[in-house]
Amino acid sequence: MLKYYELETGLSFLGEAIEAKTGEPAPSDNVGTRFENDVFLMRSYCWGCDTCDNRDWDDDTPYERCEPNFLYKPTGLSIEWYKHAGRGVEIVSGDSTPAQWAYIVVACAVSLNLEESHEL
């Protein structure tokens, strides 16, 4: 079973790597950007789009939740957090051991092709 700090460390690392790659704010931060490639998706916390839990509760229109904050596409591992990747982190779909999580973080980092980054 993964520990909270293991998830937080991996997500923060990936967020900083995405920031280095794109020059955009890290998706692991409070108001970061959205990033997606063939391997994973990562986005910041949603502050009130019309398809998430932050919708207008007086509106009875059915809705679907936003995409997860982190999705590892090969396994479907899905992670969500509250405001930033170090707060309220939880796996909402799938499961991972510490060794599997380390593999996922490395696979995601490799997929960024950091040799072509904005700030290396």
PDB file of N, CA and C in Angstrom:
ATOM      1  N   MET A   1       0.836  -1.183   0.000  1.00  0.00           N
ATOM      2  CA  MET A   1       0.000   0.000   0.000  1.00  0.00           C
ATOM      3  C   MET A   1       0.885   1.252   0.000  1.00  0.00           C
ATOM      4  N   LEU A   2       0.565   2.160  -0.882  1.00  0.00           N
ATOM      5  CA  LEU A   2       1.343   3.402  -0.975  1.00  0.00           C
ATOM      6  C   LEU A   2       1.067   4.321   0.204  1.00  0.00           C
ATOM      7  N   LYS A   3       2.090   4.985   0.642  1.00  0.00           N
ATOM      8  CA  LYS A   3       1.967   5.995   1.689  1.00  0.00           C
ATOM      9  C   LYS A   3       1.664   7.342   1.029  1.00  0.00           C
ATOM     10  N   TYR A   4       1.002   8.203   1.770  1.00  0.00           N
ATOM     11  CA  TYR A   4       0.649   9.539   1.293  1.00  0.00           C
ATOM     12  C   TYR A   4       1.874  10.286   0.753  1.00  0.00           C
ATOM     13  N   TYR A   5       2.963  10.269   1.505  1.00  0.00           N
ATOM     14  CA  TYR A   5       4.136  11.033   1.101  1.00  0.00           C
ATOM     15  C   TYR A   5       4.785  10.473  -0.167  1.00  0.00           C
ATOM     16  N   GLU A   6       4.618   9.170  -0.433  1.00  0.00           N
ATOM     17  CA  GLU A   6       5.151   8.599  -1.674  1.00  0.00           C
ATOM     18  C   GLU A   6       4.394   9.140  -2.882  1.00  0.00           C
ATOM     19  N   LEU A   7       3.074   9.220  -2.765  1.00  0.00           N
ATOM     20  CA  LEU A   7       2.272   9.814  -3.836  1.00  0.00           C
ATOM     21  C   LEU A   7       2.644  11.279  -4.030  1.00  0.00           C
ATOM     22  N   GLU A   8       2.688  12.026  -2.936  1.00  0.00           N
ATOM     23  CA  GLU A   8       2.991  13.457  -3.004  1.00  0.00           C
ATOM     24  C   GLU A   8       4.349  13.716  -3.656  1.00  0.00           C
ATOM     25  N   THR A   9       5.356  12.961  -3.272  1.00  0.00           N
ATOM     26  CA  THR A   9       6.702  13.152  -3.820  1.00  0.00           C
ATOM     27  C   THR A   9       6.726  12.899  -5.325  1.00  0.00           C
ATOM     28  N   GLY A  10       6.131  11.790  -5.757  1.00  0.00           N
ATOM     29  CA  GLY A  10       6.101  11.469  -7.185  1.00  0.00           C
ATOM     30  C   GLY A  10       5.323  12.491  -7.993  1.00  0.00           C
ATOM     31  N   LEU A  11       4.166  12.908  -7.489  1.00  0.00           N
ATOM     32  CA  LEU A  11       3.345  13.885  -8.210  1.00  0.00           C
ATOM     33  C   LEU A  11       4.031  15.245  -8.285  1.00  0.00           C
ATOM     34  N   SER A  12       4.654  15.656  -7.191  1.00  0.00           N
ATOM     35  CA  SER A  12       5.368  16.944  -7.200  1.00  0.00           C
ATOM     36  C   SER A  12       6.543  16.912  -8.171  1.00  0.00           C
ATOM     37  N   PHE A  13       7.280  15.791  -8.187  1.00  0.00           N
ATOM     38  CA  PHE A  13       8.383  15.635  -9.132  1.00  0.00           C
ATOM     39  C   PHE A  13       7.888  15.757 -10.568  1.00  0.00           C
ATOM     40  N   LEU A  14       6.806  15.050 -10.890  1.00  0.00           N
ATOM     41  CA  LEU A  14       6.268  15.115 -12.253  1.00  0.00           C
ATOM     42  C   LEU A  14       5.774  16.519 -12.586  1.00  0.00           C
ATOM     43  N   GLY A  15       5.140  17.183 -11.627  1.00  0.00           N
ATOM     44  CA  GLY A  15       4.684  18.550 -11.861  1.00  0.00           C
ATOM     45  C   GLY A  15       5.834  19.486 -12.192  1.00  0.00           C
ATOM     46  N   GLU A  16       6.929  19.363 -11.438  1.00  0.00           N
ATOM     47  CA  GLU A  16       8.104  20.203 -11.699  1.00  0.00           C
ATOM     48  C   GLU A  16       8.753  19.856 -13.035  1.00  0.00           C
ATOM     49  N   ALA A  17       8.743  18.579 -13.387  1.00  0.00           N
ATOM     50  CA  ALA A  17       9.295  18.172 -14.688  1.00  0.00           C
ATOM     51  C   ALA A  17       8.454  18.742 -15.830  1.00  0.00           C
ATOM     52  N   ILE A  18       7.147  18.735 -15.677  1.00  0.00           N
ATOM     53  CA  ILE A  18       6.266  19.319 -16.693  1.00  0.00           C
ATOM     54  C   ILE A  18       6.503  20.818 -16.800  1.00  0.00           C
ATOM     55  N   GLU A  19       6.680  21.479 -15.664  1.00  0.00           N
ATOM     56  CA  GLU A  19       6.969  22.917 -15.677  1.00  0.00           C
ATOM     57  C   GLU A  19       8.288  23.198 -16.400  1.00  0.00           C
ATOM     58  N   ALA A  20       9.308  22.370 -16.153  1.00  0.00           N
ATOM     59  CA  ALA A  20      10.589  22.535 -16.843  1.00  0.00           C
ATOM     60  C   ALA A  20      10.437  22.287 -18.342  1.00  0.00           C
ATOM     61  N   LYS A  21       9.615  21.320 -18.693  1.00  0.00           N
ATOM     62  CA  LYS A  21       9.409  20.965 -20.108  1.00  0.00           C
ATOM     63  C   LYS A  21       8.658  22.044 -20.869  1.00  0.00           C
ATOM     64  N   THR A  22       7.594  22.574 -20.257  1.00  0.00           N
ATOM     65  CA  THR A  22       6.680  23.460 -20.979  1.00  0.00           C
ATOM     66  C   THR A  22       6.848  24.946 -20.679  1.00  0.00           C
ATOM     67  N   GLY A  23       7.444  25.262 -19.528  1.00  0.00           N
ATOM     68  CA  GLY A  23       7.509  26.658 -19.115  1.00  0.00           C
ATOM     69  C   GLY A  23       6.206  27.152 -18.507  1.00  0.00           C
ATOM     70  N   GLU A  24       5.228  26.268 -18.381  1.00  0.00           N
ATOM     71  CA  GLU A  24       3.928  26.596 -17.784  1.00  0.00           C
ATOM     72  C   GLU A  24       3.915  26.185 -16.314  1.00  0.00           C
ATOM     73  N   PRO A  25       3.025  26.773 -15.492  1.00  0.00           N
ATOM     74  CA  PRO A  25       2.953  26.383 -14.072  1.00  0.00           C
ATOM     75  C   PRO A  25       2.686  24.887 -13.902  1.00  0.00           C
ATOM     76  N   ALA A  26       3.290  24.300 -12.896  1.00  0.00           N
ATOM     77  CA  ALA A  26       3.177  22.858 -12.634  1.00  0.00           C
ATOM     78  C   ALA A  26       1.736  22.455 -12.344  1.00  0.00           C
ATOM     79  N   PRO A  27       1.245  21.388 -12.972  1.00  0.00           N
ATOM     80  CA  PRO A  27      -0.107  20.923 -12.703  1.00  0.00           C
ATOM     81  C   PRO A  27      -0.301  20.418 -11.276  1.00  0.00           C
ATOM     82  N   SER A  28       0.770  20.144 -10.578  1.00  0.00           N
ATOM     83  CA  SER A  28       0.665  19.702  -9.191  1.00  0.00           C
ATOM     84  C   SER A  28       0.422  20.872  -8.238  1.00  0.00           C
ATOM     85  N   ASP A  29       0.559  22.091  -8.735  1.00  0.00           N
ATOM     86  CA  ASP A  29       0.337  23.279  -7.918  1.00  0.00           C
ATOM     87  C   ASP A  29      -1.135  23.676  -7.915  1.00  0.00           C
ATOM     88  N   ASN A  30      -1.440  24.617  -7.078  1.00  0.00           N
ATOM     89  CA  ASN A  30      -2.807  25.078  -6.865  1.00  0.00           C
ATOM     90  C   ASN A  30      -3.482  25.594  -8.129  1.00  0.00           C
ATOM     91  N   VAL A  31      -2.783  26.325  -8.944  1.00  0.00           N
ATOM     92  CA  VAL A  31      -3.382  26.897 -10.154  1.00  0.00           C
ATOM     93  C   VAL A  31      -2.509  26.606 -11.378  1.00  0.00           C
ATOM     94  N   GLY A  32      -2.028  25.401 -11.465  1.00  0.00           N
ATOM     95  CA  GLY A  32      -1.158  25.015 -12.571  1.00  0.00           C
ATOM     96  C   GLY A  32      -1.916  24.775 -13.856  1.00  0.00           C
ATOM     97  N   THR A  33      -1.228  24.212 -14.794  1.00  0.00           N
ATOM     98  CA  THR A  33      -1.758  23.980 -16.126  1.00  0.00           C
ATOM     99  C   THR A  33      -2.184  22.522 -16.288  1.00  0.00           C
ATOM    100  N   ARG A  34      -2.687  22.177 -17.448  1.00  0.00           N
ATOM    101  CA  ARG A  34      -3.069  20.802 -17.780  1.00  0.00           C
ATOM    102  C   ARG A  34      -2.045  20.268 -18.772  1.00  0.00           C
ATOM    103  N   PHE A  35      -1.606  19.025 -18.567  1.00  0.00           N
ATOM    104  CA  PHE A  35      -0.655  18.393 -19.467  1.00  0.00           C
ATOM    105  C   PHE A  35      -1.147  16.993 -19.796  1.00  0.00           C
ATOM    106  N   GLU A  36      -1.009  16.603 -21.072  1.00  0.00           N
ATOM    107  CA  GLU A  36      -1.378  15.255 -21.469  1.00  0.00           C
ATOM    108  C   GLU A  36      -0.483  14.799 -22.609  1.00  0.00           C
ATOM    109  N   ASN A  37      -0.046  13.552 -22.532  1.00  0.00           N
ATOM    110  CA  ASN A  37       0.631  12.905 -23.649  1.00  0.00           C
ATOM    111  C   ASN A  37       0.088  11.484 -23.770  1.00  0.00           C
ATOM    112  N   ASP A  38       0.750  10.623 -24.516  1.00  0.00           N
ATOM    113  CA  ASP A  38       0.254   9.260 -24.718  1.00  0.00           C
ATOM    114  C   ASP A  38       0.340   8.391 -23.475  1.00  0.00           C
ATOM    115  N   VAL A  39       1.149   8.791 -22.498  1.00  0.00           N
ATOM    116  CA  VAL A  39       1.386   7.980 -21.309  1.00  0.00           C
ATOM    117  C   VAL A  39       0.542   8.412 -20.112  1.00  0.00           C
ATOM    118  N   PHE A  40       0.420   9.713 -19.903  1.00  0.00           N
ATOM    119  CA  PHE A  40      -0.312  10.175 -18.717  1.00  0.00           C
ATOM    120  C   PHE A  40      -0.956  11.534 -18.933  1.00  0.00           C
ATOM    121  N   LEU A  41      -1.858  11.838 -18.031  1.00  0.00           N
ATOM    122  CA  LEU A  41      -2.525  13.135 -17.973  1.00  0.00           C
ATOM    123  C   LEU A  41      -2.315  13.680 -16.567  1.00  0.00           C
ATOM    124  N   MET A  42      -2.085  14.980 -16.465  1.00  0.00           N
ATOM    125  CA  MET A  42      -1.967  15.620 -15.159  1.00  0.00           C
ATOM    126  C   MET A  42      -2.542  17.013 -15.264  1.00  0.00           C
ATOM    127  N   ARG A  43      -3.378  17.369 -14.318  1.00  0.00           N
ATOM    128  CA  ARG A  43      -3.971  18.708 -14.312  1.00  0.00           C
ATOM    129  C   ARG A  43      -4.118  19.211 -12.891  1.00  0.00           C
ATOM    130  N   SER A  44      -4.185  20.508 -12.756  1.00  0.00           N
ATOM    131  CA  SER A  44      -4.336  21.092 -11.432  1.00  0.00           C
ATOM    132  C   SER A  44      -5.764  20.899 -10.921  1.00  0.00           C
ATOM    133  N   TYR A  45      -5.958  21.221  -9.681  1.00  0.00           N
ATOM    134  CA  TYR A  45      -7.267  21.149  -9.033  1.00  0.00           C
ATOM    135  C   TYR A  45      -8.264  22.038  -9.770  1.00  0.00           C
ATOM    136  N   CYS A  46      -9.481  21.575  -9.899  1.00  0.00           N
ATOM    137  CA  CYS A  46     -10.521  22.351 -10.584  1.00  0.00           C
ATOM    138  C   CYS A  46     -11.202  23.292  -9.598  1.00  0.00           C
ATOM    139  N   TRP A  47     -11.217  24.565  -9.924  1.00  0.00           N
ATOM    140  CA  TRP A  47     -11.790  25.576  -9.037  1.00  0.00           C
ATOM    141  C   TRP A  47     -13.225  25.937  -9.395  1.00  0.00           C
ATOM    142  N   GLY A  48     -13.889  25.142 -10.211  1.00  0.00           N
ATOM    143  CA  GLY A  48     -15.295  25.445 -10.435  1.00  0.00           C
ATOM    144  C   GLY A  48     -15.779  25.345 -11.853  1.00  0.00           C
ATOM    145  N   CYS A  49     -15.240  24.398 -12.614  1.00  0.00           N
ATOM    146  CA  CYS A  49     -15.778  24.238 -13.956  1.00  0.00           C
ATOM    147  C   CYS A  49     -17.195  23.680 -13.862  1.00  0.00           C
ATOM    148  N   ASP A  50     -17.911  23.672 -14.945  1.00  0.00           N
ATOM    149  CA  ASP A  50     -19.320  23.289 -14.902  1.00  0.00           C
ATOM    150  C   ASP A  50     -19.561  21.788 -14.915  1.00  0.00           C
ATOM    151  N   THR A  51     -18.506  20.984 -14.851  1.00  0.00           N
ATOM    152  CA  THR A  51     -18.714  19.537 -14.867  1.00  0.00           C
ATOM    153  C   THR A  51     -18.157  18.846 -13.629  1.00  0.00           C
ATOM    154  N   CYS A  52     -17.826  19.586 -12.601  1.00  0.00           N
ATOM    155  CA  CYS A  52     -17.217  18.945 -11.443  1.00  0.00           C
ATOM    156  C   CYS A  52     -18.040  19.156 -10.177  1.00  0.00           C
ATOM    157  N   ASP A  53     -17.492  18.738  -9.073  1.00  0.00           N
ATOM    158  CA  ASP A  53     -18.176  18.863  -7.787  1.00  0.00           C
ATOM    159  C   ASP A  53     -18.374  20.312  -7.357  1.00  0.00           C
ATOM    160  N   ASN A  54     -17.725  21.254  -7.998  1.00  0.00           N
ATOM    161  CA  ASN A  54     -17.853  22.663  -7.627  1.00  0.00           C
ATOM    162  C   ASN A  54     -18.962  23.374  -8.394  1.00  0.00           C
ATOM    163  N   ARG A  55     -19.869  22.629  -8.971  1.00  0.00           N
ATOM    164  CA  ARG A  55     -20.946  23.226  -9.763  1.00  0.00           C
ATOM    165  C   ARG A  55     -21.951  23.943  -8.865  1.00  0.00           C
ATOM    166  N   ASP A  56     -22.861  24.671  -9.458  1.00  0.00           N
ATOM    167  CA  ASP A  56     -23.932  25.365  -8.742  1.00  0.00           C
ATOM    168  C   ASP A  56     -24.935  24.325  -8.262  1.00  0.00           C
ATOM    169  N   TRP A  57     -25.065  24.170  -6.967  1.00  0.00           N
ATOM    170  CA  TRP A  57     -25.927  23.125  -6.416  1.00  0.00           C
ATOM    171  C   TRP A  57     -27.405  23.428  -6.596  1.00  0.00           C
ATOM    172  N   ASP A  58     -27.781  24.647  -6.991  1.00  0.00           N
ATOM    173  CA  ASP A  58     -29.175  24.971  -7.275  1.00  0.00           C
ATOM    174  C   ASP A  58     -29.594  24.498  -8.655  1.00  0.00           C
ATOM    175  N   ASP A  59     -28.634  24.096  -9.456  1.00  0.00           N
ATOM    176  CA  ASP A  59     -28.890  23.607 -10.802  1.00  0.00           C
ATOM    177  C   ASP A  59     -29.070  22.089 -10.739  1.00  0.00           C
ATOM    178  N   ASP A  60     -30.197  21.579 -11.193  1.00  0.00           N
ATOM    179  CA  ASP A  60     -30.487  20.148 -11.127  1.00  0.00           C
ATOM    180  C   ASP A  60     -29.983  19.373 -12.344  1.00  0.00           C
ATOM    181  N   THR A  61     -29.236  20.018 -13.215  1.00  0.00           N
ATOM    182  CA  THR A  61     -28.710  19.354 -14.407  1.00  0.00           C
ATOM    183  C   THR A  61     -27.740  18.253 -14.002  1.00  0.00           C
ATOM    184  N   PRO A  62     -27.897  17.034 -14.543  1.00  0.00           N
ATOM    185  CA  PRO A  62     -26.929  15.967 -14.229  1.00  0.00           C
ATOM    186  C   PRO A  62     -25.531  16.381 -14.692  1.00  0.00           C
ATOM    187  N   TYR A  63     -24.532  15.886 -14.017  1.00  0.00           N
ATOM    188  CA  TYR A  63     -23.161  16.242 -14.361  1.00  0.00           C
ATOM    189  C   TYR A  63     -22.250  15.050 -14.156  1.00  0.00           C
ATOM    190  N   GLU A  64     -21.095  15.136 -14.754  1.00  0.00           N
ATOM    191  CA  GLU A  64     -20.043  14.162 -14.540  1.00  0.00           C
ATOM    192  C   GLU A  64     -18.880  14.876 -13.886  1.00  0.00           C
ATOM    193  N   ARG A  65     -18.118  14.145 -13.120  1.00  0.00           N
ATOM    194  CA  ARG A  65     -16.938  14.735 -12.487  1.00  0.00           C
ATOM    195  C   ARG A  65     -15.905  15.095 -13.541  1.00  0.00           C
ATOM    196  N   CYS A  66     -15.040  16.013 -13.188  1.00  0.00           N
ATOM    197  CA  CYS A  66     -13.910  16.345 -14.059  1.00  0.00           C
ATOM    198  C   CYS A  66     -13.016  15.121 -14.228  1.00  0.00           C
ATOM    199  N   GLU A  67     -12.148  15.197 -15.217  1.00  0.00           N
ATOM    200  CA  GLU A  67     -11.141  14.156 -15.355  1.00  0.00           C
ATOM    201  C   GLU A  67     -10.284  14.163 -14.087  1.00  0.00           C
ATOM    202  N   PRO A  68      -9.611  13.063 -13.787  1.00  0.00           N
ATOM    203  CA  PRO A  68      -8.792  13.023 -12.569  1.00  0.00           C
ATOM    204  C   PRO A  68      -7.629  14.011 -12.655  1.00  0.00           C
ATOM    205  N   ASN A  69      -7.026  14.298 -11.509  1.00  0.00           N
ATOM    206  CA  ASN A  69      -5.849  15.155 -11.502  1.00  0.00           C
ATOM    207  C   ASN A  69      -4.646  14.446 -12.118  1.00  0.00           C
ATOM    208  N   PHE A  70      -4.600  13.131 -11.966  1.00  0.00           N
ATOM    209  CA  PHE A  70      -3.521  12.345 -12.560  1.00  0.00           C
ATOM    210  C   PHE A  70      -4.115  11.046 -13.079  1.00  0.00           C
ATOM    211  N   LEU A  71      -3.741  10.677 -14.298  1.00  0.00           N
ATOM    212  CA  LEU A  71      -4.167   9.417 -14.888  1.00  0.00           C
ATOM    213  C   LEU A  71      -2.978   8.790 -15.595  1.00  0.00           C
ATOM    214  N   TYR A  72      -2.621   7.572 -15.186  1.00  0.00           N
ATOM    215  CA  TYR A  72      -1.588   6.802 -15.879  1.00  0.00           C
ATOM    216  C   TYR A  72      -2.322   5.889 -16.848  1.00  0.00           C
ATOM    217  N   LYS A  73      -2.232   6.206 -18.120  1.00  0.00           N
ATOM    218  CA  LYS A  73      -3.057   5.565 -19.145  1.00  0.00           C
ATOM    219  C   LYS A  73      -2.846   4.052 -19.296  1.00  0.00           C
ATOM    220  N   PRO A  74      -1.616   3.525 -19.220  1.00  0.00           N
ATOM    221  CA  PRO A  74      -1.456   2.085 -19.422  1.00  0.00           C
ATOM    222  C   PRO A  74      -2.222   1.214 -18.416  1.00  0.00           C
ATOM    223  N   THR A  75      -2.388   1.681 -17.179  1.00  0.00           N
ATOM    224  CA  THR A  75      -3.069   0.860 -16.167  1.00  0.00           C
ATOM    225  C   THR A  75      -4.397   1.444 -15.711  1.00  0.00           C
ATOM    226  N   GLY A  76      -4.650   2.705 -16.033  1.00  0.00           N
ATOM    227  CA  GLY A  76      -5.869   3.357 -15.562  1.00  0.00           C
ATOM    228  C   GLY A  76      -5.761   3.886 -14.144  1.00  0.00           C
ATOM    229  N   LEU A  77      -4.559   3.876 -13.562  1.00  0.00           N
ATOM    230  CA  LEU A  77      -4.378   4.419 -12.219  1.00  0.00           C
ATOM    231  C   LEU A  77      -4.800   5.886 -12.222  1.00  0.00           C
ATOM    232  N   SER A  78      -5.718   6.230 -11.344  1.00  0.00           N
ATOM    233  CA  SER A  78      -6.295   7.564 -11.303  1.00  0.00           C
ATOM    234  C   SER A  78      -6.136   8.141  -9.896  1.00  0.00           C
ATOM    235  N   ILE A  79      -5.619   9.370  -9.811  1.00  0.00           N
ATOM    236  CA  ILE A  79      -5.349  10.022  -8.529  1.00  0.00           C
ATOM    237  C   ILE A  79      -5.998  11.406  -8.529  1.00  0.00           C
ATOM    238  N   GLU A  80      -6.558  11.769  -7.389  1.00  0.00           N
ATOM    239  CA  GLU A  80      -7.128  13.108  -7.213  1.00  0.00           C
ATOM    240  C   GLU A  80      -6.553  13.735  -5.960  1.00  0.00           C
ATOM    241  N   TRP A  81      -6.596  15.075  -5.912  1.00  0.00           N
ATOM    242  CA  TRP A  81      -6.154  15.804  -4.726  1.00  0.00           C
ATOM    243  C   TRP A  81      -6.992  17.051  -4.548  1.00  0.00           C
ATOM    244  N   TYR A  82      -6.810  17.700  -3.402  1.00  0.00           N
ATOM    245  CA  TYR A  82      -7.527  18.928  -3.084  1.00  0.00           C
ATOM    246  C   TYR A  82      -6.542  20.088  -3.113  1.00  0.00           C
ATOM    247  N   LYS A  83      -6.744  21.002  -4.016  1.00  0.00           N
ATOM    248  CA  LYS A  83      -5.974  22.237  -4.203  1.00  0.00           C
ATOM    249  C   LYS A  83      -4.557  22.035  -4.720  1.00  0.00           C
ATOM    250  N   HIS A  84      -3.748  21.142  -4.151  1.00  0.00           N
ATOM    251  CA  HIS A  84      -2.409  20.857  -4.681  1.00  0.00           C
ATOM    252  C   HIS A  84      -2.051  19.417  -4.358  1.00  0.00           C
ATOM    253  N   ALA A  85      -1.076  18.889  -5.044  1.00  0.00           N
ATOM    254  CA  ALA A  85      -0.755  17.463  -4.963  1.00  0.00           C
ATOM    255  C   ALA A  85      -0.299  17.018  -3.585  1.00  0.00           C
ATOM    256  N   GLY A  86      -0.072  17.903  -2.672  1.00  0.00           N
ATOM    257  CA  GLY A  86       0.322  17.530  -1.318  1.00  0.00           C
ATOM    258  C   GLY A  86      -0.822  17.552  -0.323  1.00  0.00           C
ATOM    259  N   ARG A  87      -2.048  17.670  -0.806  1.00  0.00           N
ATOM    260  CA  ARG A  87      -3.187  17.817   0.109  1.00  0.00           C
ATOM    261  C   ARG A  87      -4.341  16.910  -0.326  1.00  0.00           C
ATOM    262  N   GLY A  88      -4.776  16.056   0.560  1.00  0.00           N
ATOM    263  CA  GLY A  88      -5.918  15.202   0.281  1.00  0.00           C
ATOM    264  C   GLY A  88      -5.714  14.259  -0.886  1.00  0.00           C
ATOM    265  N   VAL A  89      -4.491  13.776  -1.078  1.00  0.00           N
ATOM    266  CA  VAL A  89      -4.185  12.911  -2.210  1.00  0.00           C
ATOM    267  C   VAL A  89      -4.792  11.532  -1.986  1.00  0.00           C
ATOM    268  N   GLU A  90      -5.485  11.023  -3.012  1.00  0.00           N
ATOM    269  CA  GLU A  90      -6.031   9.678  -2.908  1.00  0.00           C
ATOM    270  C   GLU A  90      -6.094   9.008  -4.270  1.00  0.00           C
ATOM    271  N   ILE A  91      -5.880   7.704  -4.257  1.00  0.00           N
ATOM    272  CA  ILE A  91      -6.064   6.902  -5.467  1.00  0.00           C
ATOM    273  C   ILE A  91      -7.551   6.614  -5.573  1.00  0.00           C
ATOM    274  N   VAL A  92      -8.156   7.009  -6.689  1.00  0.00           N
ATOM    275  CA  VAL A  92      -9.594   6.814  -6.858  1.00  0.00           C
ATOM    276  C   VAL A  92      -9.922   5.670  -7.801  1.00  0.00           C
ATOM    277  N   SER A  93      -8.946   5.201  -8.544  1.00  0.00           N
ATOM    278  CA  SER A  93      -9.155   4.075  -9.445  1.00  0.00           C
ATOM    279  C   SER A  93      -7.829   3.359  -9.643  1.00  0.00           C
ATOM    280  N   GLY A  94      -7.847   2.047  -9.515  1.00  0.00           N
ATOM    281  CA  GLY A  94      -6.623   1.289  -9.650  1.00  0.00           C
ATOM    282  C   GLY A  94      -5.920   1.157  -8.310  1.00  0.00           C
ATOM    283  N   ASP A  95      -4.764   0.555  -8.336  1.00  0.00           N
ATOM    284  CA  ASP A  95      -3.977   0.359  -7.123  1.00  0.00           C
ATOM    285  C   ASP A  95      -2.513   0.300  -7.527  1.00  0.00           C
ATOM    286  N   SER A  96      -1.636   0.500  -6.558  1.00  0.00           N
ATOM    287  CA  SER A  96      -0.217   0.506  -6.862  1.00  0.00           C
ATOM    288  C   SER A  96       0.582   0.211  -5.603  1.00  0.00           C
ATOM    289  N   THR A  97       1.624  -0.587  -5.766  1.00  0.00           N
ATOM    290  CA  THR A  97       2.586  -0.793  -4.686  1.00  0.00           C
ATOM    291  C   THR A  97       3.640   0.317  -4.800  1.00  0.00           C
ATOM    292  N   PRO A  98       4.478   0.490  -3.777  1.00  0.00           N
ATOM    293  CA  PRO A  98       5.552   1.485  -3.903  1.00  0.00           C
ATOM    294  C   PRO A  98       6.456   1.243  -5.112  1.00  0.00           C
ATOM    295  N   ALA A  99       6.776  -0.014  -5.404  1.00  0.00           N
ATOM    296  CA  ALA A  99       7.631  -0.306  -6.559  1.00  0.00           C
ATOM    297  C   ALA A  99       6.923   0.027  -7.871  1.00  0.00           C
ATOM    298  N   GLN A 100       5.644  -0.303  -7.960  1.00  0.00           N
ATOM    299  CA  GLN A 100       4.879   0.038  -9.167  1.00  0.00           C
ATOM    300  C   GLN A 100       4.774   1.553  -9.331  1.00  0.00           C
ATOM    301  N   TRP A 101       4.562   2.275  -8.235  1.00  0.00           N
ATOM    302  CA  TRP A 101       4.468   3.732  -8.291  1.00  0.00           C
ATOM    303  C   TRP A 101       5.789   4.332  -8.779  1.00  0.00           C
ATOM    304  N   ALA A 102       6.908   3.808  -8.289  1.00  0.00           N
ATOM    305  CA  ALA A 102       8.216   4.293  -8.744  1.00  0.00           C
ATOM    306  C   ALA A 102       8.361   4.068 -10.248  1.00  0.00           C
ATOM    307  N   TYR A 103       7.947   2.905 -10.731  1.00  0.00           N
ATOM    308  CA  TYR A 103       7.994   2.620 -12.167  1.00  0.00           C
ATOM    309  C   TYR A 103       7.124   3.611 -12.939  1.00  0.00           C
ATOM    310  N   ILE A 104       5.930   3.892 -12.443  1.00  0.00           N
ATOM    311  CA  ILE A 104       5.005   4.818 -13.107  1.00  0.00           C
ATOM    312  C   ILE A 104       5.615   6.213 -13.193  1.00  0.00           C
ATOM    313  N   VAL A 105       6.185   6.686 -12.094  1.00  0.00           N
ATOM    314  CA  VAL A 105       6.794   8.027 -12.089  1.00  0.00           C
ATOM    315  C   VAL A 105       7.930   8.092 -13.101  1.00  0.00           C
ATOM    316  N   VAL A 106       8.780   7.071 -13.146  1.00  0.00           N
ATOM    317  CA  VAL A 106       9.888   7.051 -14.103  1.00  0.00           C
ATOM    318  C   VAL A 106       9.353   6.988 -15.530  1.00  0.00           C
ATOM    319  N   ALA A 107       8.357   6.146 -15.784  1.00  0.00           N
ATOM    320  CA  ALA A 107       7.782   6.034 -17.140  1.00  0.00           C
ATOM    321  C   ALA A 107       7.193   7.367 -17.592  1.00  0.00           C
ATOM    322  N   CYS A 108       6.529   8.057 -16.681  1.00  0.00           N
ATOM    323  CA  CYS A 108       5.956   9.369 -17.028  1.00  0.00           C
ATOM    324  C   CYS A 108       7.059  10.380 -17.304  1.00  0.00           C
ATOM    325  N   ALA A 109       8.095  10.382 -16.473  1.00  0.00           N
ATOM    326  CA  ALA A 109       9.214  11.318 -16.670  1.00  0.00           C
ATOM    327  C   ALA A 109       9.911  11.055 -17.999  1.00  0.00           C
ATOM    328  N   VAL A 110      10.156   9.790 -18.327  1.00  0.00           N
ATOM    329  CA  VAL A 110      10.794   9.444 -19.597  1.00  0.00           C
ATOM    330  C   VAL A 110       9.923   9.920 -20.763  1.00  0.00           C
ATOM    331  N   SER A 111       8.606   9.800 -20.625  1.00  0.00           N
ATOM    332  CA  SER A 111       7.704  10.203 -21.712  1.00  0.00           C
ATOM    333  C   SER A 111       7.740  11.701 -21.987  1.00  0.00           C
ATOM    334  N   LEU A 112       8.277  12.465 -21.045  1.00  0.00           N
ATOM    335  CA  LEU A 112       8.367  13.921 -21.237  1.00  0.00           C
ATOM    336  C   LEU A 112       9.492  14.323 -22.175  1.00  0.00           C
ATOM    337  N   ASN A 113      10.433  13.402 -22.433  1.00  0.00           N
ATOM    338  CA  ASN A 113      11.555  13.707 -23.320  1.00  0.00           C
ATOM    339  C   ASN A 113      12.202  15.028 -22.894  1.00  0.00           C
ATOM    340  N   LEU A 114      12.716  15.043 -21.698  1.00  0.00           N
ATOM    341  CA  LEU A 114      13.220  16.280 -21.090  1.00  0.00           C
ATOM    342  C   LEU A 114      14.440  16.884 -21.773  1.00  0.00           C
ATOM    343  N   GLU A 115      15.045  16.148 -22.693  1.00  0.00           N
ATOM    344  CA  GLU A 115      16.161  16.751 -23.423  1.00  0.00           C
ATOM    345  C   GLU A 115      15.705  17.978 -24.203  1.00  0.00           C
ATOM    346  N   GLU A 116      14.424  18.018 -24.536  1.00  0.00           N
ATOM    347  CA  GLU A 116      13.873  19.141 -25.286  1.00  0.00           C
ATOM    348  C   GLU A 116      13.113  20.099 -24.381  1.00  0.00           C
ATOM    349  N   SER A 117      13.520  20.213 -23.126  1.00  0.00           N
ATOM    350  CA  SER A 117      12.767  21.013 -22.167  1.00  0.00           C
ATOM    351  C   SER A 117      13.037  22.505 -22.283  1.00  0.00           C
ATOM    352  N   HIS A 118      12.179  23.240 -21.652  1.00  0.00           N
ATOM    353  CA  HIS A 118      12.216  24.698 -21.643  1.00  0.00           C
ATOM    354  C   HIS A 118      13.359  25.230 -20.778  1.00  0.00           C
ATOM    355  N   GLU A 119      13.630  24.570 -19.642  1.00  0.00           N
ATOM    356  CA  GLU A 119      14.580  25.123 -18.674  1.00  0.00           C
ATOM    357  C   GLU A 119      15.616  24.127 -18.183  1.00  0.00           C
ATOM    358  N   LEU A 120      16.181  23.301 -19.007  1.00  0.00           N
ATOM    359  CA  LEU A 120      17.233  22.411 -18.504  1.00  0.00           C
ATOM    360  C   LEU A 120      18.598  22.918 -18.827  1.00  0.00           C
TER     361      LEU A 120
END
